[in-house]
Amino acid sequence: EMRNTHSPTWLQEFSFMLEQPPIDEYLRLEFIDHSMMGHFRRKGTLGHVDINLTDVINKKRTYESYQLNTYNPLRVELQWRTTD
């Protein structure tokens, strides 16, 4: 959780086990701003990106930048690995 910054840094890693390659599928990353205003909680979206997973499978690894707002870009690295 990030507080009071327009330039958050997420150093998060997620792994997903899939039974088959996600051909013609997209991964949506959506970023929500949870701000406190008085006693009420307000939610706002910072934006989202839809990433074509076919590109990740074909390239085995991608590293892309996406602009969610006027602040810093979102940098996403995705890797496709098989257990063979």
N, C-alpha and C. Protein backbone atom coordinates (compact mmCIF):
# COMPACT_ATOMS: atom_id res chain seq x y z
N GLU A 1 0.85 -1.18 0.00
CA GLU A 1 0.00 0.00 0.00
C GLU A 1 0.89 1.24 0.00
N MET A 2 0.60 2.17 -0.90
CA MET A 2 1.34 3.42 -1.02
C MET A 2 0.50 4.54 -0.43
N ARG A 3 1.15 5.47 0.22
CA ARG A 3 0.42 6.59 0.82
C ARG A 3 1.02 7.91 0.37
N ASN A 4 0.12 8.83 -0.03
CA ASN A 4 0.48 10.22 -0.32
C ASN A 4 1.65 10.37 -1.28
N THR A 5 1.60 9.72 -2.40
CA THR A 5 2.65 9.88 -3.40
C THR A 5 2.04 9.80 -4.79
N HIS A 6 2.59 10.60 -5.69
CA HIS A 6 2.19 10.52 -7.09
C HIS A 6 3.15 9.64 -7.87
N SER A 7 4.17 9.13 -7.22
CA SER A 7 5.17 8.29 -7.86
C SER A 7 5.38 7.00 -7.07
N PRO A 8 4.35 6.17 -6.96
CA PRO A 8 4.51 4.94 -6.18
C PRO A 8 5.44 3.96 -6.88
N THR A 9 6.09 3.14 -6.08
CA THR A 9 6.95 2.08 -6.60
C THR A 9 6.42 0.76 -6.08
N TRP A 10 6.06 -0.12 -7.01
CA TRP A 10 5.62 -1.46 -6.65
C TRP A 10 6.71 -2.41 -7.12
N LEU A 11 7.26 -3.15 -6.24
CA LEU A 11 8.23 -4.18 -6.61
C LEU A 11 7.58 -5.50 -6.25
N GLN A 12 6.60 -5.86 -7.04
CA GLN A 12 5.79 -7.04 -6.76
C GLN A 12 6.02 -8.09 -7.84
N GLU A 13 5.96 -9.33 -7.43
CA GLU A 13 6.09 -10.43 -8.38
C GLU A 13 4.92 -11.38 -8.16
N PHE A 14 4.31 -11.79 -9.25
CA PHE A 14 3.19 -12.72 -9.21
C PHE A 14 3.48 -13.87 -10.16
N SER A 15 3.09 -15.07 -9.78
CA SER A 15 3.23 -16.25 -10.63
C SER A 15 1.88 -16.91 -10.80
N PHE A 16 1.62 -17.35 -12.02
CA PHE A 16 0.36 -18.03 -12.32
C PHE A 16 0.66 -19.34 -13.01
N MET A 17 0.03 -20.40 -12.57
CA MET A 17 0.16 -21.71 -13.21
C MET A 17 -1.03 -21.86 -14.16
N LEU A 18 -0.75 -22.07 -15.43
CA LEU A 18 -1.79 -22.21 -16.44
C LEU A 18 -1.73 -23.58 -17.07
N GLU A 19 -2.87 -24.15 -17.38
CA GLU A 19 -2.91 -25.47 -17.99
C GLU A 19 -2.57 -25.43 -19.47
N GLN A 20 -2.82 -24.30 -20.12
CA GLN A 20 -2.49 -24.16 -21.53
C GLN A 20 -2.09 -22.72 -21.81
N PRO A 21 -1.36 -22.49 -22.90
CA PRO A 21 -0.94 -21.12 -23.22
C PRO A 21 -2.14 -20.20 -23.45
N PRO A 22 -2.09 -18.99 -22.93
CA PRO A 22 -3.20 -18.05 -23.08
C PRO A 22 -3.17 -17.31 -24.42
N ILE A 23 -3.33 -18.08 -25.49
CA ILE A 23 -3.34 -17.50 -26.84
C ILE A 23 -4.60 -16.64 -26.99
N ASP A 24 -4.44 -15.46 -27.59
CA ASP A 24 -5.54 -14.51 -27.81
C ASP A 24 -6.21 -14.08 -26.51
N GLU A 25 -5.47 -14.04 -25.42
CA GLU A 25 -5.98 -13.59 -24.13
C GLU A 25 -5.21 -12.34 -23.70
N TYR A 26 -5.82 -11.58 -22.81
CA TYR A 26 -5.21 -10.36 -22.31
C TYR A 26 -5.15 -10.39 -20.79
N LEU A 27 -4.11 -9.79 -20.26
CA LEU A 27 -3.98 -9.58 -18.82
C LEU A 27 -4.30 -8.11 -18.56
N ARG A 28 -5.30 -7.85 -17.72
CA ARG A 28 -5.65 -6.46 -17.37
C ARG A 28 -5.05 -6.14 -16.01
N LEU A 29 -4.27 -5.08 -15.97
CA LEU A 29 -3.74 -4.54 -14.73
C LEU A 29 -4.47 -3.23 -14.47
N GLU A 30 -5.18 -3.16 -13.37
CA GLU A 30 -5.94 -1.96 -13.03
C GLU A 30 -5.44 -1.41 -11.71
N PHE A 31 -5.27 -0.11 -11.65
CA PHE A 31 -4.69 0.54 -10.48
C PHE A 31 -5.70 1.49 -9.88
N ILE A 32 -5.98 1.28 -8.59
CA ILE A 32 -7.01 2.01 -7.87
C ILE A 32 -6.36 2.91 -6.83
N ASP A 33 -6.85 4.13 -6.72
CA ASP A 33 -6.41 5.08 -5.71
C ASP A 33 -7.42 5.07 -4.57
N HIS A 34 -6.99 4.71 -3.39
CA HIS A 34 -7.84 4.74 -2.20
C HIS A 34 -7.40 5.93 -1.36
N SER A 35 -8.21 6.97 -1.34
CA SER A 35 -7.87 8.18 -0.59
C SER A 35 -8.86 8.40 0.53
N MET A 36 -8.38 8.95 1.60
CA MET A 36 -9.26 9.30 2.72
C MET A 36 -9.65 10.76 2.59
N MET A 37 -10.96 11.02 2.62
CA MET A 37 -11.47 12.39 2.63
C MET A 37 -12.45 12.49 3.78
N GLY A 38 -12.05 13.14 4.87
CA GLY A 38 -12.91 13.22 6.04
C GLY A 38 -13.14 11.82 6.59
N HIS A 39 -14.40 11.48 6.80
CA HIS A 39 -14.74 10.14 7.29
C HIS A 39 -15.18 9.22 6.17
N PHE A 40 -15.13 9.70 4.93
CA PHE A 40 -15.59 8.91 3.80
C PHE A 40 -14.40 8.43 2.99
N ARG A 41 -14.51 7.24 2.51
CA ARG A 41 -13.45 6.66 1.69
C ARG A 41 -13.84 6.85 0.23
N ARG A 42 -12.93 7.40 -0.55
CA ARG A 42 -13.17 7.65 -1.96
C ARG A 42 -12.24 6.75 -2.78
N LYS A 43 -12.78 6.13 -3.81
CA LYS A 43 -11.96 5.32 -4.71
C LYS A 43 -11.91 5.99 -6.06
N GLY A 44 -10.76 5.99 -6.65
CA GLY A 44 -10.62 6.49 -8.00
C GLY A 44 -9.65 5.61 -8.75
N THR A 45 -9.83 5.51 -10.04
CA THR A 45 -8.93 4.68 -10.82
C THR A 45 -7.77 5.52 -11.32
N LEU A 46 -6.59 4.98 -11.23
CA LEU A 46 -5.41 5.62 -11.81
C LEU A 46 -5.26 5.23 -13.27
N GLY A 47 -5.95 4.19 -13.65
CA GLY A 47 -5.89 3.72 -15.03
C GLY A 47 -5.71 2.22 -15.09
N HIS A 48 -5.70 1.71 -16.30
CA HIS A 48 -5.48 0.28 -16.50
C HIS A 48 -4.74 0.06 -17.81
N VAL A 49 -4.13 -1.11 -17.92
CA VAL A 49 -3.51 -1.54 -19.17
C VAL A 49 -3.97 -2.95 -19.46
N ASP A 50 -4.15 -3.24 -20.74
CA ASP A 50 -4.47 -4.58 -21.21
C ASP A 50 -3.27 -5.08 -22.00
N ILE A 51 -2.68 -6.18 -21.56
CA ILE A 51 -1.46 -6.70 -22.18
C ILE A 51 -1.80 -7.98 -22.93
N ASN A 52 -1.44 -8.00 -24.21
CA ASN A 52 -1.69 -9.16 -25.06
C ASN A 52 -0.72 -10.28 -24.66
N LEU A 53 -1.25 -11.37 -24.15
CA LEU A 53 -0.40 -12.46 -23.67
C LEU A 53 0.19 -13.29 -24.80
N THR A 54 -0.38 -13.22 -25.99
CA THR A 54 0.21 -13.91 -27.14
C THR A 54 1.60 -13.36 -27.41
N ASP A 55 1.78 -12.05 -27.27
CA ASP A 55 3.10 -11.44 -27.45
C ASP A 55 4.10 -11.98 -26.43
N VAL A 56 3.65 -12.16 -25.21
CA VAL A 56 4.53 -12.68 -24.16
C VAL A 56 4.94 -14.11 -24.48
N ILE A 57 4.01 -14.92 -24.94
CA ILE A 57 4.32 -16.31 -25.29
C ILE A 57 5.32 -16.37 -26.44
N ASN A 58 5.09 -15.57 -27.47
CA ASN A 58 5.97 -15.58 -28.64
C ASN A 58 7.37 -15.08 -28.33
N LYS A 59 7.49 -14.08 -27.49
CA LYS A 59 8.79 -13.48 -27.18
C LYS A 59 9.46 -14.12 -25.96
N LYS A 60 8.71 -14.88 -25.18
CA LYS A 60 9.17 -15.52 -23.93
C LYS A 60 9.34 -14.52 -22.78
N ARG A 61 9.65 -13.28 -23.08
CA ARG A 61 9.80 -12.25 -22.05
C ARG A 61 9.53 -10.89 -22.70
N THR A 62 8.78 -10.06 -21.99
CA THR A 62 8.55 -8.69 -22.46
C THR A 62 8.81 -7.72 -21.32
N TYR A 63 9.25 -6.55 -21.68
CA TYR A 63 9.45 -5.47 -20.73
C TYR A 63 8.93 -4.21 -21.41
N GLU A 64 7.80 -3.73 -20.96
CA GLU A 64 7.13 -2.60 -21.61
C GLU A 64 6.84 -1.51 -20.59
N SER A 65 6.71 -0.28 -21.08
CA SER A 65 6.28 0.86 -20.27
C SER A 65 4.92 1.30 -20.74
N TYR A 66 4.07 1.65 -19.80
CA TYR A 66 2.71 2.12 -20.08
C TYR A 66 2.49 3.42 -19.31
N GLN A 67 1.81 4.36 -19.94
CA GLN A 67 1.54 5.64 -19.29
C GLN A 67 0.13 5.61 -18.71
N LEU A 68 0.01 5.55 -17.39
CA LEU A 68 -1.30 5.54 -16.73
C LEU A 68 -1.83 6.94 -16.51
N ASN A 69 -0.95 7.89 -16.26
CA ASN A 69 -1.35 9.26 -15.97
C ASN A 69 -0.20 10.19 -16.36
N THR A 70 -0.23 11.41 -15.91
CA THR A 70 0.81 12.37 -16.28
C THR A 70 2.08 12.21 -15.44
N TYR A 71 2.08 11.30 -14.51
CA TYR A 71 3.24 11.11 -13.65
C TYR A 71 4.16 10.05 -14.26
N ASN A 72 4.70 9.20 -13.47
CA ASN A 72 5.67 8.21 -13.94
C ASN A 72 5.01 7.09 -14.72
N PRO A 73 5.76 6.50 -15.66
CA PRO A 73 5.21 5.37 -16.40
C PRO A 73 5.20 4.10 -15.55
N LEU A 74 4.35 3.19 -15.93
CA LEU A 74 4.29 1.87 -15.31
C LEU A 74 5.18 0.95 -16.14
N ARG A 75 6.11 0.29 -15.49
CA ARG A 75 7.00 -0.65 -16.19
C ARG A 75 6.63 -2.06 -15.77
N VAL A 76 6.36 -2.89 -16.78
CA VAL A 76 5.90 -4.25 -16.52
C VAL A 76 6.78 -5.24 -17.27
N GLU A 77 7.28 -6.22 -16.55
CA GLU A 77 8.03 -7.32 -17.16
C GLU A 77 7.20 -8.58 -17.01
N LEU A 78 6.99 -9.27 -18.12
CA LEU A 78 6.27 -10.54 -18.10
C LEU A 78 7.13 -11.61 -18.75
N GLN A 79 7.05 -12.80 -18.20
CA GLN A 79 7.85 -13.91 -18.71
C GLN A 79 6.97 -15.14 -18.84
N TRP A 80 7.14 -15.87 -19.95
CA TRP A 80 6.42 -17.12 -20.18
C TRP A 80 7.41 -18.26 -20.04
N ARG A 81 7.14 -19.17 -19.10
CA ARG A 81 8.00 -20.33 -18.90
C ARG A 81 7.15 -21.59 -18.90
N THR A 82 7.70 -22.65 -19.41
CA THR A 82 7.02 -23.94 -19.36
C THR A 82 7.75 -24.84 -18.36
N THR A 83 7.07 -25.86 -17.91
CA THR A 83 7.67 -26.78 -16.94
C THR A 83 8.32 -27.98 -17.60
N ASP A 84 8.38 -27.97 -18.91
CA ASP A 84 8.98 -29.11 -19.64
C ASP A 84 10.44 -29.25 -19.36
